[in-house]
Protein backbone atom coordinates (compact mmCIF):
# COMPACT_ATOMS: atom_id res chain seq x y z
CA MET A 1 118.74 108.93 96.16
CA ALA A 2 116.41 108.57 99.12
CA ALA A 3 117.10 106.48 102.22
CA ARG A 4 115.43 103.10 102.71
CA ALA A 5 112.47 103.32 105.12
CA VAL A 6 111.50 99.78 106.23
CA GLY A 7 111.59 96.20 104.89
CA THR A 8 108.79 94.83 102.73
CA THR A 9 107.08 91.49 102.13
CA ILE A 10 104.79 90.50 99.27
CA ARG A 11 101.84 88.12 99.59
CA ALA A 12 99.65 86.73 96.85
CA VAL A 13 95.98 87.07 97.77
CA THR A 14 94.22 83.72 97.91
CA SER A 15 90.57 83.12 97.16
CA LYS A 16 89.86 82.96 100.92
CA ARG A 17 90.32 86.68 101.25
CA LYS A 18 88.76 89.10 98.80
CA LEU A 19 89.98 92.67 98.65
CA ILE A 20 87.42 95.39 98.09
CA PRO A 21 87.99 97.01 94.68
CA THR A 22 88.55 100.73 94.80
CA ARG A 23 89.60 103.42 92.39
CA ALA A 24 92.88 103.97 94.20
CA PRO A 25 95.85 101.99 92.84
CA LEU A 26 96.87 101.19 96.42
CA VAL A 27 94.86 100.96 99.64
CA LEU A 28 96.53 101.41 103.04
CA THR A 29 95.35 99.65 106.18
CA GLN A 30 95.05 101.73 109.35
CA THR A 31 98.13 99.97 110.74
CA ALA A 32 100.14 101.06 107.69
CA VAL A 33 98.79 104.62 107.95
CA HIS A 34 99.86 104.88 111.60
CA LYS A 35 103.36 103.55 110.85
CA ILE A 36 103.83 105.93 107.93
CA LYS A 37 102.75 108.85 110.13
CA ARG A 38 105.37 107.82 112.73
CA LEU A 39 108.05 107.50 110.04
CA MET A 40 107.20 110.91 108.61
CA THR A 41 107.45 112.65 112.01
CA GLU A 42 111.06 111.42 112.14
CA ARG A 43 111.74 112.83 108.65
CA PRO A 44 109.69 116.05 108.30
CA ASP A 45 111.80 117.15 105.31
CA MET A 46 110.39 114.29 103.20
CA LEU A 47 107.13 114.39 101.21
CA GLY A 48 106.10 110.81 101.94
CA LEU A 49 107.10 107.26 101.04
CA LYS A 50 107.86 106.07 97.51
CA ILE A 51 107.23 102.54 96.25
CA GLY A 52 109.30 101.27 93.36
CA VAL A 53 109.99 97.90 91.75
CA LYS A 54 113.26 96.37 90.62
CA THR A 55 114.46 93.10 89.17
CA ARG A 56 115.83 91.04 92.03
CA GLY A 57 115.43 87.75 93.86
CA CYS A 58 114.64 84.26 92.64
CA ASN A 59 111.21 85.11 91.21
CA GLY A 60 111.90 88.27 89.23
CA LEU A 61 110.61 91.44 90.90
CA THR A 62 110.71 93.01 94.33
CA TYR A 63 109.25 96.20 95.77
CA THR A 64 111.44 98.97 97.12
CA LEU A 65 110.26 101.41 99.75
CA ASP A 66 112.11 104.68 100.29
CA TYR A 67 111.51 108.18 101.57
CA ALA A 68 110.38 110.58 98.83
CA LYS A 69 112.17 113.90 98.73
CA GLU A 70 110.73 114.76 95.32
CA VAL A 71 108.01 113.42 93.04
CA GLY A 72 108.80 112.03 89.60
CA LYS A 73 106.96 113.29 86.54
CA PHE A 74 104.93 110.08 86.08
CA ASP A 75 104.64 109.01 89.72
CA GLU A 76 101.15 108.21 91.02
CA ALA A 77 100.26 109.85 94.33
CA VAL A 78 98.07 108.04 96.86
CA GLU A 79 96.89 110.15 99.76
CA GLN A 80 94.96 108.47 102.54
CA ASP A 81 94.21 109.67 106.07
CA GLY A 82 96.86 112.39 105.91
CA VAL A 83 99.75 110.29 104.58
CA LYS A 84 101.22 110.32 101.09
CA VAL A 85 102.61 107.37 99.21
CA PHE A 86 104.06 107.85 95.74
CA ILE A 87 104.20 104.99 93.25
CA ASP A 88 107.01 104.96 90.72
CA SER A 89 105.77 104.67 87.14
CA LYS A 90 107.48 101.25 86.73
CA ALA A 91 105.60 99.83 89.75
CA GLN A 92 102.12 101.13 88.96
CA LEU A 93 100.81 98.14 87.00
CA THR A 94 102.15 95.61 89.51
CA LEU A 95 100.39 97.41 92.39
CA LEU A 96 96.87 97.87 91.01
CA GLY A 97 94.34 96.66 93.56
CA THR A 98 96.98 96.00 96.24
CA GLU A 99 96.49 96.49 99.96
CA MET A 100 99.51 97.78 101.91
CA ASP A 101 99.60 96.60 105.52
CA TYR A 102 102.16 96.83 108.33
CA SER A 103 103.16 94.08 110.74
CA GLU A 104 105.44 94.21 113.76
CA THR A 105 106.53 91.20 115.81
CA GLU A 106 109.38 90.52 118.21
CA LEU A 107 111.62 89.57 115.28
CA THR A 108 110.46 91.71 112.34
CA SER A 109 108.78 94.91 111.36
CA GLU A 110 107.71 95.21 107.73
CA PHE A 111 105.20 96.54 105.28
CA ILE A 112 103.22 93.76 103.62
CA PHE A 113 101.79 94.07 100.12
CA ASN A 114 98.67 91.90 99.69
CA ASN A 115 98.63 91.79 95.90
CA PRO A 116 95.90 90.02 93.87
CA ASN A 117 97.95 90.25 90.63
CA ILE A 118 100.80 87.97 91.69
CA LYS A 119 101.22 84.71 89.77
CA GLY A 120 104.22 83.35 91.71
CA LEU A 121 106.24 84.03 94.88
CA CYS A 122 109.64 82.96 96.06
CA GLY A 123 109.95 80.97 99.28
CA CYS A 124 111.08 83.92 101.41
CA GLY A 125 108.30 86.26 100.23
CA GLU A 126 110.57 89.00 98.90
CA SER A 127 110.26 88.51 95.14
CA PHE A 128 107.32 87.81 92.85
CA ASN A 129 106.16 87.66 89.23
CA VAL A 130 102.97 88.89 87.60
């Protein structure tokens, strides 16, 4: 089992902000790319980060983000600007068209998933349903 990398937050994309459709199942912002590069320099034995999904929270699902030591048979690999993110087969459909961003403030540091497929969020932003 891999170690947990950083906390995550999920946001439903509103009509105010349109994401640009791409062929990649997940698009990383430059801020997310830079953070992943920093994380990977601390763990050179890992292949990249792995995104999964599990049933948790008040709204059903939540994303997990761990270091990837190995790649699963059905995992989807996203490589962008020299970083690798692997998507667990169970999380692939919930991530289609999602933008992965990174935010750091005085109180928090977290990856943010701007997901156009979300139908409902919990109040804290950790769980969602599609």
